[in-house]
Amino acid sequence: MIDSSSPQFWRATLALCLASFIIFANLHGMQPLLPMMAESFGRTELEISHAYTIATLVLGLALLLYGPLSDALGRRGILLLTLAGVALTTLGLAWVQDYNQLFWMRALQGFFLAGVPAVAIAYMGDEFSRPAMVTAVGLYIAGNSLGGVTGRLLAGAIGDWLDWPDVFLLLGVASIAGLLLVVWLLPASQHFKAVAFRPTRMSRDLLSHLRNPLLLIAYLIGGLNFLVFLNQYTYITFVLAAEPYQLSATWIGLLFMTYLTGTVGSLLSGRLSRRFSAPLCMATGIMILMLGSLLTLMDTLPAIIAGFFINSFGFFLTHSVASSWVSQHARHARASASALYLVFYYVGASVGGFYLHPFWSLAGWTGVVAGSLLIFAVTLGCAMILFYWQRSEKAWVVSNS
């Protein structure tokens, strides 16, 4: 097994972090370009947002396929093959001629984007010692957020400097260079043991997770919160590109620096959930999301930025605690339970544009905030259900001890 003090640990960890960086830069780099692309293709805000979120929908669904496939065929090959697919589809996006080509190329890209999230941590579990894995997972998750932020920042700046097709061209070339580095750095699997691909067993495990209310409620919290959180960023790009702000894609891209408070929320989540109950931490994060969303209604740029900084902290605090809750309360097949959480998470993001668009059409950004608060009220209620369940279970244990 690879130990944290070995040179192989740093090679493997750097390779997986780089792969993660590539995935999330490609997934989210399109977001600050949406106003520019809507104008280029003559499409509405909702239509152009579909071309962005279709990748998250396909990614979420494909996770269910890649996990079991990697159990049967191996992790490294799937990771490298799908990274190559990401790079090639990103280059393809630079040459699309109409909206339909854009939409279906993004859907195909979403299929390849799922490969790394589905197998990276499984690779660590196969090859790393337990202490090494704890360190590597933290660095890997940091690569997720850093890739998403960097992809958006660079895409906005390059889009202003050149044009949106050039963003995908340069991102595709950079992804190929990153892929070659990952091929060189990532050690071959030494401890992987193949498991037969059994769709029937996989379906049975997934159904049992969905019948577990403690897991299903956590799935709803993660999926519904991301439904709002990600798509608030989509709609605010149109607000900031229009009067009275008229921000360029470069400045809109800088808004995604607000994700950095999410890193703080993720880091604090473990400590807070050990000191307080996990459902109470989830509820606190959701109330922080409500506060941040309300702050953006002040209609000044500093207030909007501050609101998104607050939102990011609250969202990632809740997300981190909810995903840990799933791992702790799955009775069996924990890997598939966690994969199902990610399915809800990404599918939620993909349908958020549909949900928020009527609010946007009716009342602009005020409507988006109103629609967001409705969803947050639902997820807050879900968190309180888990809180009362946990308190009742503890009371039962005490009374029977």
Protein backbone atom coordinates (compact mmCIF):
# COMPACT_ATOMS: atom_id res chain seq x y z
CA MET A 1 0.00 0.00 0.00
CA ILE A 2 1.15 3.56 -0.72
CA ASP A 3 2.11 5.37 2.48
CA SER A 4 1.99 9.15 2.92
CA SER A 5 5.77 9.33 3.38
CA SER A 6 6.56 7.68 0.04
CA PRO A 7 7.36 9.45 -3.27
CA GLN A 8 4.57 7.42 -4.89
CA PHE A 9 2.04 9.07 -2.58
CA TRP A 10 2.83 12.52 -3.91
CA ARG A 11 2.90 11.34 -7.52
CA ALA A 12 -0.46 9.64 -7.21
CA THR A 13 -2.05 12.45 -5.18
CA LEU A 14 -0.80 15.12 -7.58
CA ALA A 15 -2.13 13.09 -10.53
CA LEU A 16 -5.59 12.71 -8.96
CA CYS A 17 -5.73 16.37 -7.90
CA LEU A 18 -4.76 17.42 -11.42
CA ALA A 19 -7.41 15.12 -12.91
CA SER A 20 -9.98 16.62 -10.54
CA PHE A 21 -8.85 20.14 -11.48
CA ILE A 22 -9.30 19.34 -15.19
CA ILE A 23 -12.79 17.91 -14.66
CA PHE A 24 -14.22 20.82 -12.72
CA ALA A 25 -12.52 23.50 -14.84
CA ASN A 26 -14.20 21.95 -17.90
CA LEU A 27 -17.54 21.44 -16.15
CA HIS A 28 -17.89 25.01 -14.89
CA GLY A 29 -15.73 27.09 -17.24
CA MET A 30 -18.77 27.76 -19.43
CA GLN A 31 -20.77 29.52 -16.70
CA PRO A 32 -19.40 33.11 -16.93
CA LEU A 33 -19.70 32.91 -20.73
CA LEU A 34 -23.47 32.30 -20.71
CA PRO A 35 -24.56 35.91 -21.47
CA MET A 36 -22.05 36.07 -24.35
CA MET A 37 -23.16 32.69 -25.73
CA ALA A 38 -26.87 33.54 -25.40
CA GLU A 39 -26.28 36.59 -27.58
CA SER A 40 -24.16 34.62 -30.05
CA PHE A 41 -26.79 31.90 -30.58
CA GLY A 42 -29.84 34.15 -30.14
CA ARG A 43 -31.16 32.07 -27.24
CA THR A 44 -32.95 32.95 -24.01
CA GLU A 45 -31.36 32.71 -20.57
CA LEU A 46 -33.18 29.43 -19.91
CA GLU A 47 -32.18 27.85 -23.22
CA ILE A 48 -28.50 28.71 -22.89
CA SER A 49 -28.47 27.54 -19.26
CA HIS A 50 -29.70 24.13 -20.49
CA ALA A 51 -26.50 23.76 -22.51
CA TYR A 52 -24.56 24.35 -19.29
CA THR A 53 -26.58 22.13 -16.95
CA ILE A 54 -27.09 19.20 -19.34
CA ALA A 55 -23.48 18.24 -18.54
CA THR A 56 -24.27 18.06 -14.80
CA LEU A 57 -27.36 15.92 -15.50
CA VAL A 58 -25.48 13.40 -17.64
CA LEU A 59 -22.55 13.45 -15.19
CA GLY A 60 -24.85 12.57 -12.29
CA LEU A 61 -26.51 9.69 -14.12
CA ALA A 62 -23.22 8.34 -15.52
CA LEU A 63 -21.82 8.02 -11.99
CA LEU A 64 -24.10 5.01 -11.54
CA LEU A 65 -22.40 3.31 -14.50
CA TYR A 66 -18.72 4.12 -13.93
CA GLY A 67 -18.57 2.98 -10.30
CA PRO A 68 -19.60 -0.65 -10.98
CA LEU A 69 -17.64 -0.69 -14.26
CA SER A 70 -14.48 0.34 -12.44
CA ASP A 71 -15.06 -2.44 -9.91
CA ALA A 72 -15.00 -4.90 -12.79
CA LEU A 73 -12.48 -3.34 -15.20
CA GLY A 74 -10.13 -1.27 -13.01
CA ARG A 75 -9.81 2.37 -11.99
CA ARG A 76 -6.78 3.76 -13.85
CA GLY A 77 -7.90 2.86 -17.37
CA ILE A 78 -11.38 4.38 -16.93
CA LEU A 79 -9.91 7.52 -15.37
CA LEU A 80 -7.47 8.09 -18.26
CA LEU A 81 -9.95 7.19 -21.00
CA THR A 82 -12.61 9.54 -19.69
CA LEU A 83 -10.09 12.36 -19.21
CA ALA A 84 -9.19 11.98 -22.89
CA GLY A 85 -12.89 12.15 -23.76
CA VAL A 86 -13.23 15.37 -21.75
CA ALA A 87 -10.33 17.01 -23.59
CA LEU A 88 -11.64 16.01 -27.02
CA THR A 89 -15.21 17.17 -26.36
CA THR A 90 -13.90 20.49 -25.03
CA LEU A 91 -12.06 20.97 -28.32
CA GLY A 92 -15.28 20.01 -30.09
CA LEU A 93 -17.14 22.81 -28.27
CA ALA A 94 -14.81 25.34 -29.92
CA TRP A 95 -16.16 24.32 -33.35
CA VAL A 96 -19.91 24.02 -32.79
CA GLN A 97 -21.97 25.91 -35.36
CA ASP A 98 -25.38 26.11 -33.70
CA TYR A 99 -27.17 25.66 -30.40
CA ASN A 100 -28.15 22.03 -31.00
CA GLN A 101 -24.53 21.04 -31.61
CA LEU A 102 -23.55 22.91 -28.44
CA PHE A 103 -26.20 21.14 -26.38
CA TRP A 104 -25.35 17.61 -27.52
CA MET A 105 -21.60 18.16 -27.31
CA ARG A 106 -22.04 19.28 -23.69
CA ALA A 107 -24.17 16.19 -23.02
CA LEU A 108 -21.40 13.97 -24.40
CA GLN A 109 -18.86 15.89 -22.36
CA GLY A 110 -20.95 15.26 -19.23
CA PHE A 111 -20.72 11.51 -19.85
CA PHE A 112 -16.91 11.69 -19.86
CA LEU A 113 -16.77 14.16 -16.95
CA ALA A 114 -18.25 11.52 -14.63
CA GLY A 115 -15.27 9.17 -14.92
CA VAL A 116 -12.87 10.86 -12.50
CA PRO A 117 -15.41 11.64 -9.71
CA ALA A 118 -16.65 8.05 -9.92
CA VAL A 119 -13.29 6.28 -9.57
CA ALA A 120 -10.70 8.62 -8.01
CA ILE A 121 -11.52 7.93 -4.36
CA ALA A 122 -12.01 4.23 -5.14
CA TYR A 123 -8.46 4.22 -6.58
CA MET A 124 -7.19 5.75 -3.33
CA GLY A 125 -9.05 3.10 -1.33
CA ASP A 126 -7.36 0.36 -3.35
CA GLU A 127 -3.82 1.73 -3.32
CA PHE A 128 -3.35 4.01 -0.29
CA SER A 129 -2.97 3.17 3.38
CA ARG A 130 -5.77 4.56 5.56
CA PRO A 131 -3.72 7.53 6.95
CA ALA A 132 -2.49 8.35 3.44
CA MET A 133 -6.02 8.22 2.07
CA VAL A 134 -7.32 10.72 4.64
CA THR A 135 -4.69 13.24 3.53
CA ALA A 136 -5.19 12.52 -0.17
CA VAL A 137 -8.97 12.89 -0.08
CA GLY A 138 -8.68 16.34 1.50
CA LEU A 139 -6.26 17.46 -1.21
CA TYR A 140 -8.43 15.89 -3.92
CA ILE A 141 -11.54 17.78 -2.77
CA ALA A 142 -9.49 21.00 -2.75
CA GLY A 143 -8.66 20.23 -6.39
CA ASN A 144 -12.41 20.08 -7.13
CA SER A 145 -13.10 23.58 -5.86
CA LEU A 146 -9.87 25.05 -7.22
CA GLY A 147 -10.61 23.67 -10.68
CA GLY A 148 -14.13 25.09 -10.69
CA VAL A 149 -13.00 28.54 -9.56
CA THR A 150 -9.96 28.70 -11.87
CA GLY A 151 -11.93 27.46 -14.87
CA ARG A 152 -14.52 30.20 -14.42
CA LEU A 153 -11.94 32.95 -13.81
CA LEU A 154 -9.85 32.06 -16.87
CA ALA A 155 -12.90 31.51 -19.07
CA GLY A 156 -14.23 34.97 -18.25
CA ALA A 157 -10.89 36.66 -18.91
CA ILE A 158 -10.18 34.76 -22.16
CA GLY A 159 -13.76 35.28 -23.36
CA ASP A 160 -13.34 39.05 -23.01
CA TRP A 161 -9.88 39.04 -24.55
CA LEU A 162 -10.70 36.77 -27.50
CA ASP A 163 -14.12 35.10 -27.86
CA TRP A 164 -15.99 32.20 -26.27
CA PRO A 165 -14.90 29.54 -28.86
CA ASP A 166 -11.28 30.41 -28.04
CA VAL A 167 -11.96 29.61 -24.38
CA PHE A 168 -12.84 26.02 -25.27
CA LEU A 169 -9.93 25.73 -27.70
CA LEU A 170 -7.38 26.80 -25.10
CA LEU A 171 -9.08 24.79 -22.35
CA GLY A 172 -9.03 21.70 -24.56
CA VAL A 173 -5.32 22.07 -25.32
CA ALA A 174 -4.58 22.61 -21.61
CA SER A 175 -6.64 19.51 -20.77
CA ILE A 176 -4.60 17.39 -23.19
CA ALA A 177 -1.39 18.64 -21.57
CA GLY A 178 -2.86 17.83 -18.14
CA LEU A 179 -3.87 14.37 -19.31
CA LEU A 180 -0.31 13.61 -20.41
CA LEU A 181 0.94 14.65 -16.96
CA VAL A 182 -1.63 12.41 -15.27
CA VAL A 183 -0.56 9.45 -17.46
CA TRP A 184 3.05 10.03 -16.41
CA LEU A 185 2.36 10.61 -12.71
CA LEU A 186 -0.37 8.12 -11.81
CA PRO A 187 1.07 4.75 -10.71
CA ALA A 188 -0.40 1.55 -12.15
CA SER A 189 -2.85 -0.22 -9.85
CA GLN A 190 -1.15 -2.81 -7.65
CA HIS A 191 -3.91 -3.86 -5.25
CA PHE A 192 -7.05 -3.69 -7.40
CA LYS A 193 -9.24 -6.80 -7.19
CA ALA A 194 -11.87 -7.18 -9.87
CA VAL A 195 -15.48 -7.75 -8.83
CA ALA A 196 -18.01 -9.15 -11.29
CA PHE A 197 -20.39 -6.56 -12.74
CA ARG A 198 -23.83 -7.47 -11.38
CA PRO A 199 -26.55 -5.00 -12.46
CA THR A 200 -29.19 -6.84 -10.43
CA ARG A 201 -27.25 -6.47 -7.19
CA MET A 202 -26.49 -2.83 -7.97
CA SER A 203 -30.20 -2.10 -8.54
CA ARG A 204 -31.14 -3.88 -5.32
CA ASP A 205 -28.62 -1.81 -3.33
CA LEU A 206 -29.84 1.46 -4.84
CA LEU A 207 -33.48 0.66 -4.13
CA SER A 208 -32.69 -0.22 -0.52
CA HIS A 209 -30.95 3.15 -0.08
CA LEU A 210 -33.96 4.97 -1.51
CA ARG A 211 -36.23 3.14 0.94
CA ASN A 212 -34.10 4.32 3.88
CA PRO A 213 -35.69 7.64 4.99
CA LEU A 214 -32.53 8.79 6.76
CA LEU A 215 -30.64 8.58 3.47
CA LEU A 216 -33.45 9.82 1.23
CA ILE A 217 -33.88 13.00 3.29
CA ALA A 218 -30.13 13.68 3.08
CA TYR A 219 -30.28 13.09 -0.69
CA LEU A 220 -33.08 15.67 -0.94
CA ILE A 221 -31.14 18.19 1.14
CA GLY A 222 -28.04 17.86 -1.07
CA GLY A 223 -29.92 17.83 -4.37
CA LEU A 224 -32.37 20.64 -3.64
CA ASN A 225 -29.74 22.94 -2.14
CA PHE A 226 -27.47 22.49 -5.17
CA LEU A 227 -30.50 23.00 -7.45
CA VAL A 228 -30.70 26.56 -6.11
CA PHE A 229 -27.06 27.32 -5.28
CA LEU A 230 -25.53 26.56 -8.68
CA ASN A 231 -28.33 28.19 -10.66
CA GLN A 232 -28.29 31.35 -8.58
CA TYR A 233 -24.83 31.89 -10.07
CA THR A 234 -26.24 31.30 -13.56
CA TYR A 235 -29.00 33.91 -13.22
CA ILE A 236 -26.83 36.47 -11.44
CA THR A 237 -24.49 36.47 -14.48
CA PHE A 238 -27.37 37.92 -16.54
CA VAL A 239 -28.11 40.48 -13.81
CA LEU A 240 -24.50 41.64 -13.69
CA ALA A 241 -24.11 41.73 -17.49
CA ALA A 242 -27.12 44.06 -17.84
CA GLU A 243 -27.90 47.59 -16.59
CA PRO A 244 -26.91 49.11 -14.22
CA TYR A 245 -23.82 46.94 -13.67
CA GLN A 246 -22.80 46.01 -17.25
CA LEU A 247 -19.90 43.87 -16.05
CA SER A 248 -17.67 42.13 -18.58
CA ALA A 249 -17.17 38.36 -18.55
CA THR A 250 -13.84 38.89 -16.76
CA TRP A 251 -15.50 40.66 -13.84
CA ILE A 252 -18.39 38.21 -13.79
CA GLY A 253 -15.83 35.40 -13.58
CA LEU A 254 -14.35 37.03 -10.48
CA LEU A 255 -17.69 36.53 -8.71
CA PHE A 256 -16.84 32.84 -8.48
CA MET A 257 -14.05 33.69 -6.06
CA THR A 258 -16.90 33.59 -3.56
CA TYR A 259 -16.60 29.79 -3.71
CA LEU A 260 -13.52 30.13 -1.53
CA THR A 261 -15.63 30.58 1.60
CA GLY A 262 -17.07 27.19 0.73
CA THR A 263 -13.64 25.70 1.35
CA VAL A 264 -13.76 27.17 4.86
CA GLY A 265 -17.25 25.77 5.39
CA SER A 266 -16.12 22.31 4.28
CA LEU A 267 -13.10 22.39 6.57
CA LEU A 268 -15.21 23.44 9.57
CA SER A 269 -17.98 20.93 8.90
CA GLY A 270 -16.26 17.96 10.53
CA ARG A 271 -15.35 19.87 13.68
CA LEU A 272 -18.83 21.40 14.00
CA SER A 273 -20.69 18.12 13.42
CA ARG A 274 -18.61 16.45 16.13
CA ARG A 275 -19.44 19.22 18.60
CA PHE A 276 -23.09 19.66 17.62
CA SER A 277 -25.55 17.30 15.97
CA ALA A 278 -25.11 16.83 12.21
CA PRO A 279 -28.74 17.75 11.36
CA LEU A 280 -28.40 20.95 13.39
CA CYS A 281 -25.28 21.83 11.39
CA MET A 282 -27.21 21.21 8.17
CA ALA A 283 -30.04 23.45 9.37
CA THR A 284 -27.56 26.17 10.32
CA GLY A 285 -25.98 26.04 6.86
CA ILE A 286 -29.41 26.35 5.22
CA MET A 287 -30.32 29.37 7.37
CA ILE A 288 -27.00 30.94 6.34
CA LEU A 289 -28.03 30.32 2.71
CA MET A 290 -31.31 32.12 3.36
CA LEU A 291 -29.47 35.08 4.89
CA GLY A 292 -27.03 35.36 1.99
CA SER A 293 -29.82 35.18 -0.58
CA LEU A 294 -31.79 37.94 1.16
CA LEU A 295 -28.69 40.15 1.28
CA THR A 296 -28.41 40.09 -2.52
CA LEU A 297 -31.77 41.91 -2.73
CA MET A 298 -30.07 45.15 -1.66
CA ASP A 299 -29.23 45.71 -5.36
CA THR A 300 -25.70 47.00 -4.78
CA LEU A 301 -22.65 45.19 -6.08
CA PRO A 302 -20.94 44.91 -2.65
CA ALA A 303 -24.14 43.45 -1.16
CA ILE A 304 -24.47 40.91 -3.98
CA ILE A 305 -20.84 39.83 -3.59
CA ALA A 306 -21.18 39.60 0.20
CA GLY A 307 -24.40 37.57 -0.22
CA PHE A 308 -22.64 35.06 -2.44
CA PHE A 309 -19.71 34.77 -0.04
CA ILE A 310 -22.22 33.95 2.72
CA ASN A 311 -24.15 31.55 0.46
CA SER A 312 -21.03 29.60 -0.45
CA PHE A 313 -20.09 29.09 3.19
CA GLY A 314 -23.60 27.91 4.10
CA PHE A 315 -23.96 25.63 1.10
CA PHE A 316 -20.67 23.78 1.48
CA LEU A 317 -21.14 23.45 5.23
CA THR A 318 -24.48 21.71 4.64
CA HIS A 319 -23.20 19.69 1.69
CA SER A 320 -20.19 18.34 3.57
CA VAL A 321 -22.24 17.34 6.60
CA ALA A 322 -25.02 15.77 4.49
CA SER A 323 -22.58 13.67 2.45
CA SER A 324 -20.92 12.45 5.66
CA TRP A 325 -24.35 11.64 7.12
CA VAL A 326 -25.03 9.36 4.14
CA SER A 327 -21.77 7.47 4.63
CA GLN A 328 -22.44 7.02 8.35
CA HIS A 329 -26.07 5.89 8.05
CA ALA A 330 -25.90 3.55 5.05
CA ARG A 331 -26.54 0.05 6.40
CA HIS A 332 -24.58 -1.60 3.59
CA ALA A 333 -23.01 -0.80 0.18
CA ARG A 334 -21.71 2.57 1.36
CA ALA A 335 -20.06 3.32 -1.98
CA SER A 336 -23.36 3.07 -3.86
CA ALA A 337 -25.10 5.11 -1.13
CA SER A 338 -22.56 7.91 -1.60
CA ALA A 339 -22.82 7.62 -5.39
CA LEU A 340 -26.59 8.00 -5.14
CA TYR A 341 -26.10 11.17 -3.08
CA LEU A 342 -23.99 12.58 -5.94
CA VAL A 343 -26.69 11.58 -8.45
CA PHE A 344 -29.27 13.65 -6.53
CA TYR A 345 -26.68 16.42 -6.20
CA TYR A 346 -25.91 16.76 -9.90
CA VAL A 347 -29.41 16.03 -11.18
CA GLY A 348 -30.67 18.72 -8.81
CA ALA A 349 -28.24 21.20 -10.36
CA SER A 350 -29.39 20.29 -13.85
CA VAL A 351 -33.09 20.97 -13.21
CA GLY A 352 -32.58 24.18 -11.23
CA GLY A 353 -32.78 26.33 -14.36
CA PHE A 354 -36.26 24.96 -15.12
CA TYR A 355 -37.43 25.58 -11.58
CA LEU A 356 -36.08 29.13 -11.21
CA HIS A 357 -36.94 30.38 -14.71
CA PRO A 358 -40.65 31.14 -14.01
CA PHE A 359 -39.59 33.18 -10.97
CA TRP A 360 -36.99 34.97 -13.12
CA SER A 361 -39.54 35.70 -15.87
CA LEU A 362 -42.06 37.03 -13.38
CA ALA A 363 -39.89 39.19 -11.13
CA GLY A 364 -36.23 39.04 -12.23
CA TRP A 365 -33.64 38.52 -9.51
CA THR A 366 -36.21 39.19 -6.76
CA GLY A 367 -38.19 36.26 -8.13
CA VAL A 368 -35.09 34.04 -8.15
CA VAL A 369 -34.50 34.82 -4.47
CA ALA A 370 -38.15 34.10 -3.66
CA GLY A 371 -37.97 30.75 -5.45
CA SER A 372 -34.71 29.99 -3.65
CA LEU A 373 -36.22 30.67 -0.23
CA LEU A 374 -39.08 28.26 -0.96
CA ILE A 375 -36.60 25.46 -1.65
CA PHE A 376 -34.49 26.36 1.39
CA ALA A 377 -37.62 26.21 3.54
CA VAL A 378 -38.17 22.63 2.32
CA THR A 379 -34.58 21.57 2.99
CA LEU A 380 -34.64 23.27 6.40
CA GLY A 381 -37.71 21.21 7.22
CA CYS A 382 -35.86 18.07 6.07
CA ALA A 383 -32.91 18.89 8.33
CA MET A 384 -35.24 19.40 11.30
CA ILE A 385 -36.86 16.01 10.63
CA LEU A 386 -33.41 14.41 10.89
CA PHE A 387 -32.71 16.45 14.04
CA TYR A 388 -35.87 15.25 15.79
CA TRP A 389 -35.22 11.67 14.65
CA GLN A 390 -31.71 11.81 16.09
CA ARG A 391 -32.92 13.30 19.37
CA SER A 392 -35.66 10.65 19.66
CA GLU A 393 -33.14 7.86 19.00
CA LYS A 394 -30.81 9.18 21.70
CA ALA A 395 -33.71 9.46 24.15
CA TRP A 396 -34.70 5.85 23.38
CA VAL A 397 -31.13 4.64 23.93
CA VAL A 398 -30.93 6.46 27.27
CA SER A 399 -34.28 5.14 28.47
CA ASN A 400 -33.31 1.55 27.60
CA SER A 401 -29.78 1.63 28.99
